[in-house]
Amino acid sequence: MRYRINFRDIEIKDAELKRSLFWLLIASRGGDTRIKILSLILNEPLNKNELSKSLGLNYRTVTHHLNVLIRNNIIREDQKYGGLVYVNEVMEEELKEIIGKLIGGNNQ
């Protein structure tokens, strides 16, 4: 998907976070999948298996994208068996706004 949003459209004061989110969600391969994952877990925490089924993607593909988001401190995973994946609470509101713009304003 192509998005009609550019770097200046992201309204986040933390410049490093803004660059990271732009790269992870818009400018890099896999951004579409990460946007879909974030849109699901913003509504409710899910585990990897639930995400895989909801998105119709291979479990390993979902795991890869989750690891990318975890390494960038966008999400966190409960360490219990079948652990749920949560959005980092510090940036939850910013993510809701950005994901809303991306999903609501995409240009397929």
Protein backbone atom coordinates (compact mmCIF):
# COMPACT_ATOMS: atom_id res chain seq x y z
CA MET A 1 0.00 0.00 0.00
CA ARG A 2 1.03 3.58 -0.57
CA TYR A 3 0.20 6.14 2.07
CA ARG A 4 -0.53 9.80 1.63
CA ILE A 5 1.32 10.73 4.75
CA ASN A 6 4.83 12.02 4.95
CA PHE A 7 7.33 12.67 7.66
CA ARG A 8 6.00 16.17 8.39
CA ASP A 9 2.47 14.79 8.93
CA ILE A 10 3.55 12.81 11.98
CA GLU A 11 2.97 15.02 15.00
CA ILE A 12 5.34 13.65 17.62
CA LYS A 13 7.63 15.91 19.62
CA ASP A 14 10.28 13.23 20.20
CA ALA A 15 12.32 13.45 16.98
CA GLU A 16 13.98 10.04 17.42
CA LEU A 17 10.63 8.31 17.96
CA LYS A 18 9.18 10.14 14.97
CA ARG A 19 12.02 8.94 12.71
CA SER A 20 11.72 5.38 14.05
CA LEU A 21 7.98 5.20 13.50
CA PHE A 22 8.23 6.70 10.02
CA TRP A 23 10.87 4.16 9.05
CA LEU A 24 9.17 1.16 10.68
CA LEU A 25 5.68 1.88 9.37
CA ILE A 26 6.00 3.83 6.15
CA ALA A 27 9.47 3.82 4.60
CA SER A 28 10.54 0.19 4.99
CA ARG A 29 9.40 -3.13 3.62
CA GLY A 30 7.03 -4.80 6.03
CA GLY A 31 5.54 -1.53 7.20
CA ASP A 32 2.07 -2.58 6.05
CA THR A 33 2.25 -5.73 8.16
CA ARG A 34 3.49 -3.80 11.19
CA ILE A 35 0.64 -1.30 10.78
CA LYS A 36 -1.87 -4.16 10.73
CA ILE A 37 -0.30 -5.72 13.83
CA LEU A 38 -0.35 -2.43 15.71
CA SER A 39 -3.94 -1.69 14.73
CA LEU A 40 -5.00 -5.03 16.20
CA ILE A 41 -3.09 -4.79 19.47
CA LEU A 42 -4.12 -1.17 19.99
CA ASN A 43 -7.66 -2.52 20.32
CA GLU A 44 -6.74 -5.44 22.57
CA PRO A 45 -3.60 -7.36 23.52
CA LEU A 46 -3.20 -10.58 21.52
CA ASN A 47 -0.62 -13.35 21.45
CA LYS A 48 1.43 -14.33 18.40
CA ASN A 49 -0.89 -17.16 17.44
CA GLU A 50 -3.98 -14.94 17.60
CA LEU A 51 -2.23 -12.29 15.52
CA SER A 52 -1.17 -14.87 12.97
CA LYS A 53 -4.72 -16.17 12.59
CA SER A 54 -6.31 -12.70 12.53
CA LEU A 55 -3.94 -11.48 9.84
CA GLY A 56 -3.83 -14.70 7.84
CA LEU A 57 -0.05 -14.70 8.04
CA ASN A 58 2.53 -17.32 8.84
CA TYR A 59 3.44 -17.48 12.55
CA ARG A 60 7.13 -16.91 11.77
CA THR A 61 6.31 -13.81 9.71
CA VAL A 62 4.32 -12.35 12.59
CA THR A 63 7.12 -13.22 15.02
CA HIS A 64 9.66 -11.44 12.82
CA HIS A 65 7.60 -8.23 12.70
CA LEU A 66 6.91 -8.38 16.43
CA ASN A 67 10.64 -8.72 17.10
CA VAL A 68 11.32 -5.63 14.96
CA LEU A 69 8.74 -3.67 16.96
CA ILE A 70 10.07 -5.01 20.28
CA ARG A 71 13.67 -4.08 19.40
CA ASN A 72 12.45 -0.53 18.71
CA ASN A 73 10.49 -0.32 22.00
CA ILE A 74 7.16 0.12 20.22
CA ILE A 75 5.61 -2.96 21.81
CA ARG A 76 6.34 -5.38 24.61
CA GLU A 77 5.51 -9.05 25.08
CA ASP A 78 4.41 -10.71 28.30
CA GLN A 79 7.02 -13.37 29.03
CA LYS A 80 4.51 -16.01 30.13
CA TYR A 81 3.71 -18.95 27.84
CA GLY A 82 1.37 -17.70 25.14
CA GLY A 83 2.26 -14.18 26.23
CA LEU A 84 0.18 -11.27 25.10
CA VAL A 85 1.66 -8.46 23.05
CA TYR A 86 1.03 -4.90 24.25
CA VAL A 87 1.74 -1.47 22.81
CA ASN A 88 4.24 0.55 24.82
CA GLU A 89 1.98 2.64 27.07
CA VAL A 90 4.23 5.70 26.75
CA MET A 91 3.40 6.08 23.06
CA GLU A 92 -0.07 4.53 22.88
CA GLU A 93 -1.89 7.80 22.07
CA GLU A 94 0.61 8.78 19.37
CA LEU A 95 0.35 5.34 17.80
CA LYS A 96 -3.45 5.50 17.78
CA GLU A 97 -3.29 8.81 15.95
CA ILE A 98 -0.69 7.68 13.41
CA ILE A 99 -2.32 4.30 12.73
CA GLY A 100 -5.69 6.05 12.39
CA LYS A 101 -4.22 8.42 9.79
CA LEU A 102 -2.55 5.58 7.92
CA ILE A 103 -5.53 3.24 7.85
CA GLY A 104 -8.08 5.98 7.34
CA GLY A 105 -6.08 7.83 4.70
CA ASN A 106 -4.41 5.05 2.74
CA ASN A 107 -4.34 5.12 -1.02
CA GLN A 108 -4.41 1.59 -2.34
